[in-house]
Amino acid sequence: MPNVQWEMDRLGGTLPALKTLESKLDLMNQLKPELKSLVDDINSITDTSDLSRAKEGGRAIKRMLTSQGRAIEHDWERKT
């Protein structure tokens, strides 16, 4: 016959750890939507998919200003 008291004590010792894990799991489940939203915000802020188009636009503006004799390098050099 197994020692029932020993088994009860052993199981009782693991219950606080299980309660702590359950509590942490609940907390993570509550935070998950917020964390997902933050990740989505960070991804949208750091999205560089349009960077090549922006660079091409900048080059076009620079070409236009240069053709008019108003190169942008000279404009910022005067301001600094």
Protein backbone atom coordinates (compact mmCIF):
# COMPACT_ATOMS: atom_id res chain seq x y z
CA MET A 1 0.00 0.00 0.00
CA PRO A 2 1.49 3.38 -1.03
CA ASN A 3 2.17 6.06 1.52
CA VAL A 4 -0.85 8.31 1.00
CA GLN A 5 0.42 11.14 3.22
CA TRP A 6 3.73 11.26 1.35
CA GLU A 7 1.88 11.44 -2.00
CA MET A 8 -0.40 14.19 -0.67
CA ASP A 9 2.60 16.20 0.58
CA ARG A 10 4.38 15.74 -2.74
CA LEU A 11 1.34 16.89 -4.72
CA GLY A 12 0.72 19.76 -2.31
CA GLY A 13 4.27 20.97 -2.89
CA THR A 14 3.66 21.20 -6.62
CA LEU A 15 0.34 23.03 -6.39
CA PRO A 16 1.82 26.45 -5.57
CA ALA A 17 4.08 26.09 -8.58
CA LEU A 18 1.09 25.17 -10.74
CA LYS A 19 -0.88 28.15 -9.42
CA THR A 20 2.06 30.43 -10.23
CA LEU A 21 2.31 29.01 -13.74
CA GLU A 22 -1.44 29.42 -14.26
CA SER A 23 -1.23 33.00 -13.05
CA LYS A 24 1.65 33.75 -15.44
CA LEU A 25 -0.20 32.09 -18.30
CA ASP A 26 -3.29 34.21 -17.59
CA LEU A 27 -1.13 37.34 -17.52
CA MET A 28 0.50 36.44 -20.84
CA ASN A 29 -2.90 35.75 -22.40
CA GLN A 30 -4.09 39.17 -21.22
CA LEU A 31 -0.97 40.87 -22.60
CA LYS A 32 -0.94 39.04 -25.93
CA PRO A 33 -3.33 41.43 -27.76
CA GLU A 34 -1.37 44.44 -26.51
CA LEU A 35 1.95 42.87 -27.48
CA LYS A 36 0.58 41.98 -30.92
CA SER A 37 -0.59 45.56 -31.37
CA LEU A 38 2.84 46.88 -30.37
CA VAL A 39 4.57 44.51 -32.79
CA ASP A 40 2.23 45.64 -35.58
CA ASP A 41 2.96 49.30 -34.77
CA ILE A 42 6.72 48.70 -34.76
CA ASN A 43 6.50 46.81 -38.05
CA SER A 44 4.53 49.63 -39.69
CA ILE A 45 6.95 52.27 -38.41
CA THR A 46 10.00 50.37 -39.61
CA ASP A 47 8.45 49.38 -42.95
CA THR A 48 10.97 50.24 -45.67
CA SER A 49 9.03 48.82 -48.62
CA ASP A 50 8.55 52.33 -50.08
CA LEU A 51 12.11 53.46 -49.41
CA SER A 52 13.28 52.83 -52.98
CA ARG A 53 10.39 54.93 -54.34
CA ALA A 54 11.18 57.71 -51.86
CA LYS A 55 14.85 57.66 -52.89
CA GLU A 56 13.87 57.89 -56.56
CA GLY A 57 11.59 60.82 -55.74
CA GLY A 58 14.46 62.51 -53.90
CA ARG A 59 16.75 61.99 -56.89
CA ALA A 60 14.12 63.49 -59.22
CA ILE A 61 13.77 66.56 -56.98
CA LYS A 62 17.55 66.90 -56.80
CA ARG A 63 17.83 66.69 -60.62
CA MET A 64 15.14 69.34 -61.03
CA LEU A 65 16.76 71.71 -58.53
CA THR A 66 20.19 71.13 -60.06
CA SER A 67 18.83 71.90 -63.54
CA GLN A 68 17.46 75.18 -62.15
CA GLY A 69 20.84 76.02 -60.64
CA ARG A 70 19.64 75.51 -57.07
CA ALA A 71 21.48 72.38 -55.99
CA ILE A 72 20.32 71.25 -52.56
CA GLU A 73 23.86 70.64 -51.28
CA HIS A 74 24.43 74.40 -51.35
CA ASP A 75 21.16 75.13 -49.53
CA TRP A 76 21.95 73.03 -46.47
CA GLU A 77 25.59 74.14 -46.39
CA ARG A 78 24.48 77.76 -46.00
CA LYS A 79 22.20 76.88 -43.09
CA THR A 80 24.83 75.04 -41.06
